[in-house]
Every structure is written in structure tokens, then in C-alpha cells.
């Protein structure tokens, strides 16, 4: 069975999650705040995650209903509405508290994509 068209969205999400995690690995919040390049690169990757979640077709969202697609997609809106100096206050907790568990959910779903639906 070939991969569905939305497999590329899963791949982009996983790639962006890996990058965001790698960029901030072993960093403290203060270091992150003071490292503009890392903060902006990480924010970009979180925006990619949000956009891919927004573009995910309904059949994929239904098949993998345990993944919080709407919450992931809403990250983009949160960052657009926040003032630049407040973005870190939202981004840092997401990276520390949610990214790893979301990555596990996405990775598990991606592994199931090629398996026949029962």
C-alpha cells in the first residue's frame, strides 16, 4: 500500500519537531531569550508544525483523532497575536512541556500510515 498524500505533512511536522527540539536542547529559558537566531529558527519550525496541522485533511484528522490537530494549528494564530516580547513566554513552555509528547503521537501515527486500515 502506498503512502497517502498527507504523509508529506507528517514528515514536515516530524522534521520541524526534530529541529525545534535540537535547537533548544540543553538550553535554559534565559539563554533561549537572549539567542535571537535560535528563538526565531525555533519559532519558524513551530509555525511549520502549525501550518501542516491546519492543512491536514479531515480523513487523517479522523483516523488519528487522538492527536490534538486543532490545538497544533492554533499555535500559528497565538504567535501572530502575541507581541514579539511575549512570544517567548508562550513558545518556551510549549517546547518544554508539549513538544516531546506531541512528537511521540505524530511519530506513532506516521508509522501507522502504511498499515492497512481495518
N, C-alpha and C. Protein backbone atom coordinates (compact mmCIF):
# COMPACT_ATOMS: atom_id res chain seq x y z
N UNK A 1 0.84 -1.18 0.00
CA UNK A 1 0.00 0.00 0.00
C UNK A 1 0.89 1.25 0.00
N UNK A 2 0.64 2.18 -0.87
CA UNK A 2 1.46 3.39 -0.92
C UNK A 2 0.99 4.38 0.15
N UNK A 3 1.87 5.29 0.45
CA UNK A 3 1.56 6.31 1.45
C UNK A 3 0.48 7.25 0.93
N UNK A 4 -0.40 7.70 1.82
CA UNK A 4 -1.39 8.70 1.40
C UNK A 4 -0.71 10.03 1.13
N UNK A 5 -1.41 10.89 0.40
CA UNK A 5 -0.84 12.19 0.04
C UNK A 5 -0.44 13.01 1.26
N UNK A 6 -1.14 12.84 2.36
CA UNK A 6 -0.84 13.65 3.54
C UNK A 6 0.41 13.17 4.29
N UNK A 7 1.05 12.11 3.85
CA UNK A 7 2.27 11.63 4.50
C UNK A 7 3.34 12.72 4.53
N UNK A 8 3.40 13.53 3.50
CA UNK A 8 4.41 14.61 3.46
C UNK A 8 4.17 15.63 4.58
N UNK A 9 2.92 15.81 4.98
CA UNK A 9 2.63 16.72 6.10
C UNK A 9 3.17 16.14 7.40
N UNK A 10 2.99 14.84 7.59
CA UNK A 10 3.55 14.18 8.77
C UNK A 10 5.07 14.31 8.78
N UNK A 11 5.68 14.11 7.62
CA UNK A 11 7.14 14.21 7.52
C UNK A 11 7.63 15.62 7.84
N UNK A 12 6.92 16.63 7.36
CA UNK A 12 7.30 18.01 7.64
C UNK A 12 7.13 18.34 9.13
N UNK A 13 6.06 17.82 9.73
CA UNK A 13 5.85 18.05 11.16
C UNK A 13 6.97 17.40 11.96
N UNK A 14 7.28 16.15 11.65
CA UNK A 14 8.33 15.45 12.38
C UNK A 14 9.69 16.13 12.19
N UNK A 15 9.98 16.57 10.98
CA UNK A 15 11.24 17.26 10.72
C UNK A 15 11.32 18.56 11.53
N UNK A 16 10.25 19.32 11.54
CA UNK A 16 10.24 20.59 12.28
C UNK A 16 10.30 20.37 13.79
N UNK A 17 9.66 19.30 14.26
CA UNK A 17 9.74 18.98 15.69
C UNK A 17 11.16 18.59 16.08
N UNK A 18 11.78 17.80 15.22
CA UNK A 18 13.17 17.39 15.50
C UNK A 18 14.08 18.60 15.55
N UNK A 19 13.93 19.51 14.59
CA UNK A 19 14.77 20.71 14.56
C UNK A 19 14.53 21.59 15.78
N UNK A 20 13.27 21.83 16.11
CA UNK A 20 12.96 22.68 17.27
C UNK A 20 13.54 22.07 18.54
N UNK A 21 13.42 20.76 18.67
CA UNK A 21 13.99 20.09 19.84
C UNK A 21 15.50 20.17 19.88
N UNK A 22 16.12 19.98 18.72
CA UNK A 22 17.59 20.03 18.64
C UNK A 22 18.10 21.43 18.92
N UNK A 23 17.42 22.45 18.39
CA UNK A 23 17.86 23.83 18.59
C UNK A 23 17.84 24.24 20.06
N UNK A 24 16.91 23.71 20.81
CA UNK A 24 16.73 24.16 22.20
C UNK A 24 17.23 23.14 23.23
N UNK A 25 17.79 22.04 22.75
CA UNK A 25 18.29 21.01 23.65
C UNK A 25 19.34 21.59 24.59
N UNK A 26 19.22 21.28 25.84
CA UNK A 26 20.15 21.72 26.89
C UNK A 26 20.20 23.23 27.07
N UNK A 27 19.21 23.95 26.60
CA UNK A 27 19.16 25.41 26.80
C UNK A 27 18.30 25.74 28.00
N UNK A 28 18.64 26.80 28.64
CA UNK A 28 17.79 27.37 29.69
C UNK A 28 16.97 28.48 29.04
N UNK A 29 15.87 28.83 29.67
CA UNK A 29 14.99 29.85 29.09
C UNK A 29 15.72 31.17 28.88
N UNK A 30 16.55 31.57 29.81
CA UNK A 30 17.29 32.83 29.67
C UNK A 30 18.21 32.82 28.46
N UNK A 31 18.87 31.69 28.24
CA UNK A 31 19.75 31.57 27.07
C UNK A 31 18.93 31.63 25.79
N UNK A 32 17.78 31.00 25.81
CA UNK A 32 16.89 31.00 24.64
C UNK A 32 16.43 32.42 24.33
N UNK A 33 16.03 33.15 25.35
CA UNK A 33 15.56 34.52 25.17
C UNK A 33 16.65 35.40 24.57
N UNK A 34 17.88 35.18 24.99
CA UNK A 34 18.99 36.01 24.53
C UNK A 34 19.59 35.57 23.21
N UNK A 35 19.19 34.43 22.71
CA UNK A 35 19.72 33.90 21.45
C UNK A 35 18.65 34.08 20.37
N UNK A 36 18.63 35.25 19.77
CA UNK A 36 17.60 35.61 18.80
C UNK A 36 17.55 34.65 17.62
N UNK A 37 18.70 34.25 17.11
CA UNK A 37 18.71 33.34 15.96
C UNK A 37 18.03 32.02 16.30
N UNK A 38 18.36 31.46 17.44
CA UNK A 38 17.75 30.19 17.84
C UNK A 38 16.26 30.36 18.08
N UNK A 39 15.87 31.44 18.75
CA UNK A 39 14.45 31.68 19.02
C UNK A 39 13.67 31.83 17.72
N UNK A 40 14.20 32.58 16.77
CA UNK A 40 13.49 32.77 15.50
C UNK A 40 13.45 31.49 14.67
N UNK A 41 14.53 30.73 14.66
CA UNK A 41 14.54 29.46 13.92
C UNK A 41 13.55 28.48 14.55
N UNK A 42 13.51 28.46 15.85
CA UNK A 42 12.58 27.57 16.55
C UNK A 42 11.14 27.99 16.30
N UNK A 43 10.88 29.28 16.37
CA UNK A 43 9.54 29.79 16.10
C UNK A 43 9.11 29.43 14.68
N UNK A 44 10.00 29.58 13.72
CA UNK A 44 9.69 29.21 12.35
C UNK A 44 9.24 27.75 12.26
N UNK A 45 9.98 26.86 12.92
CA UNK A 45 9.64 25.44 12.87
C UNK A 45 8.32 25.14 13.57
N UNK A 46 8.01 25.85 14.63
CA UNK A 46 6.72 25.67 15.29
C UNK A 46 5.60 26.17 14.37
N UNK A 47 5.86 27.23 13.63
CA UNK A 47 4.87 27.72 12.67
C UNK A 47 4.65 26.71 11.54
N UNK A 48 5.70 26.02 11.12
CA UNK A 48 5.56 24.96 10.11
C UNK A 48 4.68 23.83 10.66
N UNK A 49 4.92 23.45 11.90
CA UNK A 49 4.10 22.43 12.55
C UNK A 49 2.64 22.85 12.54
N UNK A 50 2.38 24.08 12.93
CA UNK A 50 1.01 24.59 12.99
C UNK A 50 0.36 24.61 11.61
N UNK A 51 1.11 25.05 10.61
CA UNK A 51 0.54 25.13 9.26
C UNK A 51 0.26 23.74 8.70
N UNK A 52 1.14 22.79 8.94
CA UNK A 52 0.90 21.41 8.48
C UNK A 52 -0.32 20.82 9.18
N UNK A 53 -0.48 21.10 10.45
CA UNK A 53 -1.66 20.61 11.18
C UNK A 53 -2.92 21.24 10.60
N UNK A 54 -2.86 22.50 10.24
CA UNK A 54 -4.01 23.18 9.65
C UNK A 54 -4.37 22.57 8.29
N UNK A 55 -3.36 22.18 7.52
CA UNK A 55 -3.57 21.63 6.19
C UNK A 55 -3.90 20.14 6.18
N UNK A 56 -3.79 19.50 7.32
CA UNK A 56 -4.04 18.05 7.38
C UNK A 56 -5.49 17.77 6.97
N UNK A 57 -5.70 16.86 6.03
CA UNK A 57 -7.06 16.56 5.58
C UNK A 57 -7.91 15.94 6.69
N UNK A 58 -9.20 16.12 6.57
CA UNK A 58 -10.13 15.63 7.59
C UNK A 58 -10.03 14.12 7.79
N UNK A 59 -9.80 13.36 6.71
CA UNK A 59 -9.71 11.90 6.88
C UNK A 59 -8.52 11.51 7.76
N UNK A 60 -7.43 12.25 7.66
CA UNK A 60 -6.27 11.98 8.52
C UNK A 60 -6.57 12.41 9.95
N UNK A 61 -7.22 13.56 10.10
CA UNK A 61 -7.58 14.02 11.45
C UNK A 61 -8.52 13.04 12.13
N UNK A 62 -9.42 12.46 11.35
CA UNK A 62 -10.35 11.48 11.91
C UNK A 62 -9.62 10.18 12.25
N UNK A 63 -8.79 9.71 11.33
CA UNK A 63 -8.05 8.46 11.56
C UNK A 63 -7.15 8.57 12.78
N UNK A 64 -6.55 9.73 12.96
CA UNK A 64 -5.64 9.94 14.09
C UNK A 64 -6.24 10.98 15.03
N UNK A 65 -7.44 10.70 15.47
CA UNK A 65 -8.21 11.63 16.31
C UNK A 65 -7.61 11.88 17.67
N UNK A 66 -6.67 11.05 18.11
CA UNK A 66 -6.01 11.25 19.40
C UNK A 66 -4.97 12.37 19.36
N UNK A 67 -4.66 12.84 18.17
CA UNK A 67 -3.70 13.95 18.02
C UNK A 67 -4.47 15.27 18.08
N UNK A 68 -4.01 16.22 18.88
CA UNK A 68 -4.73 17.49 19.02
C UNK A 68 -4.48 18.43 17.84
N UNK A 69 -5.04 18.09 16.68
CA UNK A 69 -4.80 18.85 15.45
C UNK A 69 -5.18 20.32 15.59
N UNK A 70 -6.36 20.58 16.14
CA UNK A 70 -6.81 21.97 16.24
C UNK A 70 -5.91 22.79 17.14
N UNK A 71 -5.47 22.20 18.25
CA UNK A 71 -4.56 22.91 19.15
C UNK A 71 -3.23 23.19 18.47
N UNK A 72 -2.75 22.20 17.72
CA UNK A 72 -1.49 22.40 16.99
C UNK A 72 -1.64 23.51 15.95
N UNK A 73 -2.73 23.49 15.21
CA UNK A 73 -2.96 24.50 14.18
C UNK A 73 -3.12 25.88 14.79
N UNK A 74 -3.69 25.96 15.98
CA UNK A 74 -3.92 27.27 16.61
C UNK A 74 -2.63 27.93 17.10
N UNK A 75 -1.54 27.18 17.16
CA UNK A 75 -0.27 27.78 17.58
C UNK A 75 0.11 28.95 16.68
N UNK A 76 -0.15 28.81 15.41
CA UNK A 76 0.19 29.88 14.47
C UNK A 76 -0.54 31.17 14.84
N UNK A 77 -1.83 31.04 15.13
CA UNK A 77 -2.62 32.22 15.49
C UNK A 77 -2.15 32.84 16.80
N UNK A 78 -1.77 32.00 17.75
CA UNK A 78 -1.27 32.51 19.02
C UNK A 78 -0.04 33.38 18.79
N UNK A 79 0.87 32.90 17.96
CA UNK A 79 2.10 33.65 17.73
C UNK A 79 1.87 34.90 16.90
N UNK A 80 0.88 34.90 16.05
CA UNK A 80 0.56 36.10 15.27
C UNK A 80 -0.05 37.19 16.14
N UNK A 81 -0.76 36.79 17.18
CA UNK A 81 -1.45 37.77 18.03
C UNK A 81 -0.57 38.31 19.15
N UNK A 82 0.44 37.57 19.53
CA UNK A 82 1.30 37.98 20.63
C UNK A 82 2.27 39.08 20.19
N UNK A 83 2.60 39.92 21.13
CA UNK A 83 3.66 40.90 20.87
C UNK A 83 4.98 40.14 20.85
N UNK A 84 5.92 40.67 20.11
CA UNK A 84 7.20 39.97 19.94
C UNK A 84 7.85 39.60 21.27
N UNK A 85 7.81 40.50 22.24
CA UNK A 85 8.45 40.21 23.52
C UNK A 85 7.67 39.19 24.36
N UNK A 86 6.43 38.89 23.98
CA UNK A 86 5.63 37.91 24.71
C UNK A 86 5.63 36.53 24.05
N UNK A 87 6.14 36.44 22.84
CA UNK A 87 6.14 35.17 22.12
C UNK A 87 6.92 34.11 22.89
N UNK A 88 8.06 34.48 23.42
CA UNK A 88 8.90 33.53 24.15
C UNK A 88 8.15 32.97 25.36
N UNK A 89 7.32 33.82 25.98
CA UNK A 89 6.55 33.36 27.14
C UNK A 89 5.56 32.26 26.77
N UNK A 90 5.15 32.20 25.52
CA UNK A 90 4.25 31.16 25.03
C UNK A 90 5.06 30.01 24.42
N UNK A 91 6.09 30.35 23.67
CA UNK A 91 6.88 29.35 22.94
C UNK A 91 7.67 28.45 23.88
N UNK A 92 8.33 29.01 24.86
CA UNK A 92 9.19 28.21 25.73
C UNK A 92 8.41 27.11 26.46
N UNK A 93 7.26 27.41 27.09
CA UNK A 93 6.52 26.31 27.73
C UNK A 93 6.06 25.24 26.75
N UNK A 94 5.68 25.63 25.54
CA UNK A 94 5.31 24.64 24.53
C UNK A 94 6.49 23.71 24.26
N UNK A 95 7.66 24.27 24.09
CA UNK A 95 8.84 23.46 23.79
C UNK A 95 9.18 22.52 24.94
N UNK A 96 9.04 23.01 26.15
CA UNK A 96 9.42 22.23 27.33
C UNK A 96 8.36 21.22 27.77
N UNK A 97 7.09 21.55 27.56
CA UNK A 97 6.02 20.74 28.13
C UNK A 97 5.25 19.91 27.11
N UNK A 98 5.18 20.34 25.87
CA UNK A 98 4.29 19.68 24.92
C UNK A 98 4.98 19.05 23.72
N UNK A 99 6.08 19.60 23.29
CA UNK A 99 6.70 19.16 22.04
C UNK A 99 7.04 17.68 22.05
N UNK A 100 7.64 17.19 23.11
CA UNK A 100 8.07 15.79 23.15
C UNK A 100 6.88 14.83 23.08
N UNK A 101 5.82 15.12 23.84
CA UNK A 101 4.66 14.21 23.79
C UNK A 101 3.96 14.27 22.43
N UNK A 102 3.88 15.46 21.85
CA UNK A 102 3.29 15.58 20.51
C UNK A 102 4.12 14.83 19.48
N UNK A 103 5.42 14.92 19.62
CA UNK A 103 6.31 14.22 18.68
C UNK A 103 6.07 12.72 18.74
N UNK A 104 5.87 12.20 19.94
CA UNK A 104 5.58 10.78 20.08
C UNK A 104 4.27 10.39 19.41
N UNK A 105 3.25 11.23 19.57
CA UNK A 105 1.96 10.96 18.93
C UNK A 105 2.07 11.00 17.41
N UNK A 106 2.76 12.01 16.88
CA UNK A 106 2.91 12.14 15.43
C UNK A 106 3.74 10.99 14.87
N UNK A 107 4.81 10.65 15.57
CA UNK A 107 5.67 9.56 15.11
C UNK A 107 4.89 8.24 15.08
N UNK A 108 4.12 7.97 16.12
CA UNK A 108 3.32 6.75 16.15
C UNK A 108 2.31 6.70 15.02
N UNK A 109 1.66 7.83 14.77
CA UNK A 109 0.68 7.89 13.67
C UNK A 109 1.36 7.71 12.33
N UNK A 110 2.51 8.32 12.16
CA UNK A 110 3.25 8.20 10.90
C UNK A 110 3.62 6.75 10.62
N UNK A 111 4.01 6.02 11.66
CA UNK A 111 4.35 4.61 11.48
C UNK A 111 3.14 3.79 11.03
N UNK A 112 1.95 4.24 11.39
CA UNK A 112 0.72 3.52 11.02
C UNK A 112 0.21 3.85 9.62
N UNK A 113 0.74 4.87 9.01
CA UNK A 113 0.20 5.34 7.72
C UNK A 113 0.20 4.23 6.66
N UNK A 114 1.23 3.44 6.61
CA UNK A 114 1.32 2.41 5.57
C UNK A 114 0.56 1.14 5.92
N UNK A 115 0.12 1.02 7.16
CA UNK A 115 -0.61 -0.18 7.55
C UNK A 115 -2.04 -0.08 7.01
N UNK A 116 -2.58 -1.18 6.55
CA UNK A 116 -3.95 -1.15 6.04
C UNK A 116 -4.93 -0.81 7.16
N UNK A 117 -5.93 -0.03 6.81
CA UNK A 117 -6.96 0.31 7.77
C UNK A 117 -7.88 -0.89 7.94
N UNK A 118 -8.24 -1.16 9.20
CA UNK A 118 -9.07 -2.33 9.48
C UNK A 118 -10.46 -1.97 9.51
